[in-house]
Amino acid sequence: METQLNAISKIVQARREKLGLTQEELAEKLGISTPTLQFIEQKRRYPSLPLLFYICAYLGLKVEIR
């Protein structure tokens, strides 16, 4: 079973790549460090809830809370 962190990581990375953004470009647009985004995409760090909402809003993703 895929963990939430795996799902978040895959979705963020796939959407970023679909939009043609590098990690550096997206991190700059979000106002976070590149290593922070890298840790999220590498499944090494959960984003905070506010950051997750911000990332999703910027990438045009919908957040569903169950």
PDB file of N, CA and C in Angstrom:
ATOM      1  N   MET A   1       0.834  -1.192   0.000  1.00  0.00           N
ATOM      2  CA  MET A   1       0.000   0.000   0.000  1.00  0.00           C
ATOM      3  C   MET A   1       0.879   1.256   0.000  1.00  0.00           C
ATOM      4  N   GLU A   2       0.528   2.174  -0.851  1.00  0.00           N
ATOM      5  CA  GLU A   2       1.307   3.392  -0.974  1.00  0.00           C
ATOM      6  C   GLU A   2       1.020   4.336   0.192  1.00  0.00           C
ATOM      7  N   THR A   3       2.066   4.873   0.782  1.00  0.00           N
ATOM      8  CA  THR A   3       1.879   5.801   1.890  1.00  0.00           C
ATOM      9  C   THR A   3       1.467   7.172   1.357  1.00  0.00           C
ATOM     10  N   GLN A   4       0.958   7.982   2.251  1.00  0.00           N
ATOM     11  CA  GLN A   4       0.567   9.348   1.866  1.00  0.00           C
ATOM     12  C   GLN A   4       1.765  10.132   1.343  1.00  0.00           C
ATOM     13  N   LEU A   5       2.914   9.950   1.994  1.00  0.00           N
ATOM     14  CA  LEU A   5       4.107  10.677   1.568  1.00  0.00           C
ATOM     15  C   LEU A   5       4.511  10.265   0.158  1.00  0.00           C
ATOM     16  N   ASN A   6       4.435   8.972  -0.156  1.00  0.00           N
ATOM     17  CA  ASN A   6       4.755   8.522  -1.514  1.00  0.00           C
ATOM     18  C   ASN A   6       3.819   9.159  -2.529  1.00  0.00           C
ATOM     19  N   ALA A   7       2.538   9.194  -2.207  1.00  0.00           N
ATOM     20  CA  ALA A   7       1.545   9.767  -3.122  1.00  0.00           C
ATOM     21  C   ALA A   7       1.795  11.256  -3.327  1.00  0.00           C
ATOM     22  N   ILE A   8       2.015  11.975  -2.235  1.00  0.00           N
ATOM     23  CA  ILE A   8       2.277  13.416  -2.329  1.00  0.00           C
ATOM     24  C   ILE A   8       3.508  13.671  -3.182  1.00  0.00           C
ATOM     25  N   SER A   9       4.565  12.928  -2.921  1.00  0.00           N
ATOM     26  CA  SER A   9       5.827  13.101  -3.647  1.00  0.00           C
ATOM     27  C   SER A   9       5.653  12.884  -5.142  1.00  0.00           C
ATOM     28  N   LYS A  10       4.996  11.798  -5.498  1.00  0.00           N
ATOM     29  CA  LYS A  10       4.799  11.475  -6.912  1.00  0.00           C
ATOM     30  C   LYS A  10       3.944  12.517  -7.619  1.00  0.00           C
ATOM     31  N   ILE A  11       2.875  12.942  -6.974  1.00  0.00           N
ATOM     32  CA  ILE A  11       1.961  13.902  -7.592  1.00  0.00           C
ATOM     33  C   ILE A  11       2.635  15.255  -7.789  1.00  0.00           C
ATOM     34  N   VAL A  12       3.337  15.734  -6.769  1.00  0.00           N
ATOM     35  CA  VAL A  12       4.010  17.037  -6.869  1.00  0.00           C
ATOM     36  C   VAL A  12       5.066  16.992  -7.976  1.00  0.00           C
ATOM     37  N   GLN A  13       5.873  15.956  -7.992  1.00  0.00           N
ATOM     38  CA  GLN A  13       6.925  15.853  -9.003  1.00  0.00           C
ATOM     39  C   GLN A  13       6.336  15.736 -10.413  1.00  0.00           C
ATOM     40  N   ALA A  14       5.321  14.901 -10.579  1.00  0.00           N
ATOM     41  CA  ALA A  14       4.720  14.715 -11.903  1.00  0.00           C
ATOM     42  C   ALA A  14       4.108  16.017 -12.418  1.00  0.00           C
ATOM     43  N   ARG A  15       3.407  16.732 -11.557  1.00  0.00           N
ATOM     44  CA  ARG A  15       2.770  17.987 -11.977  1.00  0.00           C
ATOM     45  C   ARG A  15       3.807  19.050 -12.301  1.00  0.00           C
ATOM     46  N   ARG A  16       4.862  19.117 -11.477  1.00  0.00           N
ATOM     47  CA  ARG A  16       5.942  20.083 -11.726  1.00  0.00           C
ATOM     48  C   ARG A  16       6.571  19.810 -13.097  1.00  0.00           C
ATOM     49  N   GLU A  17       6.848  18.544 -13.371  1.00  0.00           N
ATOM     50  CA  GLU A  17       7.458  18.180 -14.650  1.00  0.00           C
ATOM     51  C   GLU A  17       6.501  18.456 -15.814  1.00  0.00           C
ATOM     52  N   LYS A  18       5.217  18.181 -15.626  1.00  0.00           N
ATOM     53  CA  LYS A  18       4.225  18.444 -16.674  1.00  0.00           C
ATOM     54  C   LYS A  18       4.168  19.929 -17.020  1.00  0.00           C
ATOM     55  N   LEU A  19       4.362  20.776 -16.014  1.00  0.00           N
ATOM     56  CA  LEU A  19       4.364  22.224 -16.227  1.00  0.00           C
ATOM     57  C   LEU A  19       5.703  22.730 -16.751  1.00  0.00           C
ATOM     58  N   GLY A  20       6.681  21.830 -16.876  1.00  0.00           N
ATOM     59  CA  GLY A  20       7.987  22.204 -17.410  1.00  0.00           C
ATOM     60  C   GLY A  20       8.835  23.023 -16.461  1.00  0.00           C
ATOM     61  N   LEU A  21       8.623  22.839 -15.161  1.00  0.00           N
ATOM     62  CA  LEU A  21       9.383  23.586 -14.154  1.00  0.00           C
ATOM     63  C   LEU A  21      10.491  22.720 -13.557  1.00  0.00           C
ATOM     64  N   THR A  22      11.630  23.336 -13.302  1.00  0.00           N
ATOM     65  CA  THR A  22      12.677  22.649 -12.554  1.00  0.00           C
ATOM     66  C   THR A  22      12.348  22.758 -11.061  1.00  0.00           C
ATOM     67  N   GLN A  23      13.033  21.974 -10.257  1.00  0.00           N
ATOM     68  CA  GLN A  23      12.846  22.079  -8.815  1.00  0.00           C
ATOM     69  C   GLN A  23      13.214  23.482  -8.341  1.00  0.00           C
ATOM     70  N   GLU A  24      14.276  24.015  -8.897  1.00  0.00           N
ATOM     71  CA  GLU A  24      14.726  25.347  -8.501  1.00  0.00           C
ATOM     72  C   GLU A  24      13.676  26.407  -8.834  1.00  0.00           C
ATOM     73  N   GLU A  25      13.090  26.313 -10.028  1.00  0.00           N
ATOM     74  CA  GLU A  25      12.084  27.289 -10.436  1.00  0.00           C
ATOM     75  C   GLU A  25      10.841  27.220  -9.555  1.00  0.00           C
ATOM     76  N   LEU A  26      10.362  26.005  -9.296  1.00  0.00           N
ATOM     77  CA  LEU A  26       9.170  25.869  -8.466  1.00  0.00           C
ATOM     78  C   LEU A  26       9.438  26.329  -7.039  1.00  0.00           C
ATOM     79  N   ALA A  27      10.572  25.945  -6.495  1.00  0.00           N
ATOM     80  CA  ALA A  27      10.909  26.364  -5.133  1.00  0.00           C
ATOM     81  C   ALA A  27      10.942  27.881  -5.028  1.00  0.00           C
ATOM     82  N   GLU A  28      11.537  28.527  -6.020  1.00  0.00           N
ATOM     83  CA  GLU A  28      11.609  29.994  -6.006  1.00  0.00           C
ATOM     84  C   GLU A  28      10.206  30.603  -6.067  1.00  0.00           C
ATOM     85  N   LYS A  29       9.355  30.062  -6.929  1.00  0.00           N
ATOM     86  CA  LYS A  29       7.992  30.592  -7.063  1.00  0.00           C
ATOM     87  C   LYS A  29       7.179  30.387  -5.778  1.00  0.00           C
ATOM     88  N   LEU A  30       7.477  29.310  -5.038  1.00  0.00           N
ATOM     89  CA  LEU A  30       6.766  29.017  -3.791  1.00  0.00           C
ATOM     90  C   LEU A  30       7.372  29.734  -2.589  1.00  0.00           C
ATOM     91  N   GLY A  31       8.583  30.271  -2.767  1.00  0.00           N
ATOM     92  CA  GLY A  31       9.251  30.946  -1.663  1.00  0.00           C
ATOM     93  C   GLY A  31       9.847  29.990  -0.655  1.00  0.00           C
ATOM     94  N   ILE A  32      10.230  28.803  -1.134  1.00  0.00           N
ATOM     95  CA  ILE A  32      10.876  27.815  -0.261  1.00  0.00           C
ATOM     96  C   ILE A  32      12.234  27.472  -0.839  1.00  0.00           C
ATOM     97  N   SER A  33      13.054  26.806  -0.059  1.00  0.00           N
ATOM     98  CA  SER A  33      14.372  26.432  -0.556  1.00  0.00           C
ATOM     99  C   SER A  33      14.263  25.226  -1.487  1.00  0.00           C
ATOM    100  N   THR A  34      15.208  25.131  -2.404  1.00  0.00           N
ATOM    101  CA  THR A  34      15.245  23.978  -3.304  1.00  0.00           C
ATOM    102  C   THR A  34      15.386  22.679  -2.515  1.00  0.00           C
ATOM    103  N   PRO A  35      16.260  22.611  -1.480  1.00  0.00           N
ATOM    104  CA  PRO A  35      16.345  21.374  -0.715  1.00  0.00           C
ATOM    105  C   PRO A  35      15.016  20.959  -0.070  1.00  0.00           C
ATOM    106  N   THR A  36      14.204  21.926   0.357  1.00  0.00           N
ATOM    107  CA  THR A  36      12.901  21.581   0.933  1.00  0.00           C
ATOM    108  C   THR A  36      12.039  20.873  -0.103  1.00  0.00           C
ATOM    109  N   LEU A  37      11.981  21.409  -1.308  1.00  0.00           N
ATOM    110  CA  LEU A  37      11.205  20.772  -2.373  1.00  0.00           C
ATOM    111  C   LEU A  37      11.803  19.416  -2.731  1.00  0.00           C
ATOM    112  N   GLN A  38      13.118  19.331  -2.780  1.00  0.00           N
ATOM    113  CA  GLN A  38      13.771  18.056  -3.081  1.00  0.00           C
ATOM    114  C   GLN A  38      13.414  17.007  -2.029  1.00  0.00           C
ATOM    115  N   PHE A  39      13.427  17.378  -0.762  1.00  0.00           N
ATOM    116  CA  PHE A  39      13.088  16.429   0.303  1.00  0.00           C
ATOM    117  C   PHE A  39      11.649  15.943   0.168  1.00  0.00           C
ATOM    118  N   ILE A  40      10.741  16.837  -0.230  1.00  0.00           N
ATOM    119  CA  ILE A  40       9.343  16.445  -0.425  1.00  0.00           C
ATOM    120  C   ILE A  40       9.247  15.458  -1.586  1.00  0.00           C
ATOM    121  N   GLU A  41       9.898  15.775  -2.697  1.00  0.00           N
ATOM    122  CA  GLU A  41       9.833  14.902  -3.871  1.00  0.00           C
ATOM    123  C   GLU A  41      10.573  13.578  -3.661  1.00  0.00           C
ATOM    124  N   GLN A  42      11.563  13.567  -2.806  1.00  0.00           N
ATOM    125  CA  GLN A  42      12.341  12.346  -2.536  1.00  0.00           C
ATOM    126  C   GLN A  42      11.761  11.529  -1.384  1.00  0.00           C
ATOM    127  N   LYS A  43      10.579  11.907  -0.931  1.00  0.00           N
ATOM    128  CA  LYS A  43       9.880  11.194   0.145  1.00  0.00           C
ATOM    129  C   LYS A  43      10.664  11.216   1.461  1.00  0.00           C
ATOM    130  N   ARG A  44      11.381  12.310   1.690  1.00  0.00           N
ATOM    131  CA  ARG A  44      12.167  12.431   2.915  1.00  0.00           C
ATOM    132  C   ARG A  44      11.548  13.407   3.909  1.00  0.00           C
ATOM    133  N   ARG A  45      10.496  14.122   3.466  1.00  0.00           N
ATOM    134  CA  ARG A  45       9.896  15.128   4.342  1.00  0.00           C
ATOM    135  C   ARG A  45       8.451  15.384   3.924  1.00  0.00           C
ATOM    136  N   TYR A  46       7.564  15.376   4.916  1.00  0.00           N
ATOM    137  CA  TYR A  46       6.186  15.801   4.678  1.00  0.00           C
ATOM    138  C   TYR A  46       6.160  17.317   4.636  1.00  0.00           C
ATOM    139  N   PRO A  47       5.428  17.904   3.699  1.00  0.00           N
ATOM    140  CA  PRO A  47       5.258  19.358   3.764  1.00  0.00           C
ATOM    141  C   PRO A  47       4.278  19.685   4.885  1.00  0.00           C
ATOM    142  N   SER A  48       4.427  20.848   5.479  1.00  0.00           N
ATOM    143  CA  SER A  48       3.428  21.282   6.457  1.00  0.00           C
ATOM    144  C   SER A  48       2.094  21.415   5.724  1.00  0.00           C
ATOM    145  N   LEU A  49       1.007  21.398   6.462  1.00  0.00           N
ATOM    146  CA  LEU A  49      -0.305  21.502   5.834  1.00  0.00           C
ATOM    147  C   LEU A  49      -0.464  22.819   5.061  1.00  0.00           C
ATOM    148  N   PRO A  50      -0.066  23.965   5.642  1.00  0.00           N
ATOM    149  CA  PRO A  50      -0.163  25.203   4.850  1.00  0.00           C
ATOM    150  C   PRO A  50       0.684  25.149   3.579  1.00  0.00           C
ATOM    151  N   LEU A  51       1.880  24.576   3.672  1.00  0.00           N
ATOM    152  CA  LEU A  51       2.736  24.473   2.489  1.00  0.00           C
ATOM    153  C   LEU A  51       2.118  23.530   1.461  1.00  0.00           C
ATOM    154  N   LEU A  52       1.544  22.429   1.909  1.00  0.00           N
ATOM    155  CA  LEU A  52       0.891  21.493   0.995  1.00  0.00           C
ATOM    156  C   LEU A  52      -0.237  22.186   0.240  1.00  0.00           C
ATOM    157  N   PHE A  53      -1.067  22.954   0.952  1.00  0.00           N
ATOM    158  CA  PHE A  53      -2.146  23.688   0.295  1.00  0.00           C
ATOM    159  C   PHE A  53      -1.593  24.699  -0.710  1.00  0.00           C
ATOM    160  N   TYR A  54      -0.520  25.370  -0.341  1.00  0.00           N
ATOM    161  CA  TYR A  54       0.092  26.368  -1.228  1.00  0.00           C
ATOM    162  C   TYR A  54       0.660  25.711  -2.480  1.00  0.00           C
ATOM    163  N   ILE A  55       1.376  24.594  -2.306  1.00  0.00           N
ATOM    164  CA  ILE A  55       1.932  23.861  -3.447  1.00  0.00           C
ATOM    165  C   ILE A  55       0.802  23.428  -4.382  1.00  0.00           C
ATOM    166  N   CYS A  56      -0.228  22.843  -3.807  1.00  0.00           N
ATOM    167  CA  CYS A  56      -1.352  22.358  -4.615  1.00  0.00           C
ATOM    168  C   CYS A  56      -2.057  23.494  -5.347  1.00  0.00           C
ATOM    169  N   ALA A  57      -2.244  24.605  -4.676  1.00  0.00           N
ATOM    170  CA  ALA A  57      -2.889  25.754  -5.317  1.00  0.00           C
ATOM    171  C   ALA A  57      -2.045  26.244  -6.487  1.00  0.00           C
ATOM    172  N   TYR A  58      -0.748  26.342  -6.277  1.00  0.00           N
ATOM    173  CA  TYR A  58       0.129  26.828  -7.343  1.00  0.00           C
ATOM    174  C   TYR A  58       0.146  25.859  -8.529  1.00  0.00           C
ATOM    175  N   LEU A  59       0.143  24.556  -8.244  1.00  0.00           N
ATOM    176  CA  LEU A  59       0.214  23.555  -9.303  1.00  0.00           C
ATOM    177  C   LEU A  59      -1.156  23.225  -9.901  1.00  0.00           C
ATOM    178  N   GLY A  60      -2.207  23.843  -9.362  1.00  0.00           N
ATOM    179  CA  GLY A  60      -3.555  23.589  -9.878  1.00  0.00           C
ATOM    180  C   GLY A  60      -4.100  22.228  -9.485  1.00  0.00           C
ATOM    181  N   LEU A  61      -3.719  21.761  -8.306  1.00  0.00           N
ATOM    182  CA  LEU A  61      -4.174  20.474  -7.807  1.00  0.00           C
ATOM    183  C   LEU A  61      -5.247  20.670  -6.748  1.00  0.00           C
ATOM    184  N   LYS A  62      -6.133  19.709  -6.635  1.00  0.00           N
ATOM    185  CA  LYS A  62      -7.192  19.768  -5.631  1.00  0.00           C
ATOM    186  C   LYS A  62      -6.767  18.953  -4.416  1.00  0.00           C
ATOM    187  N   VAL A  63      -7.009  19.481  -3.242  1.00  0.00           N
ATOM    188  CA  VAL A  63      -6.700  18.781  -1.992  1.00  0.00           C
ATOM    189  C   VAL A  63      -7.983  18.204  -1.426  1.00  0.00           C
ATOM    190  N   GLU A  64      -7.933  16.934  -1.130  1.00  0.00           N
ATOM    191  CA  GLU A  64      -9.100  16.263  -0.534  1.00  0.00           C
ATOM    192  C   GLU A  64      -8.705  15.735   0.839  1.00  0.00           C
ATOM    193  N   ILE A  65      -9.423  16.166   1.851  1.00  0.00           N
ATOM    194  CA  ILE A  65      -9.141  15.723   3.208  1.00  0.00           C
ATOM    195  C   ILE A  65     -10.240  14.748   3.621  1.00  0.00           C
ATOM    196  N   ARG A  66      -9.802  13.593   4.078  1.00  0.00           N
ATOM    197  CA  ARG A  66     -10.770  12.564   4.504  1.00  0.00           C
ATOM    198  C   ARG A  66     -10.727  12.377   5.981  1.00  0.00           C
TER     199      ARG A  66
END
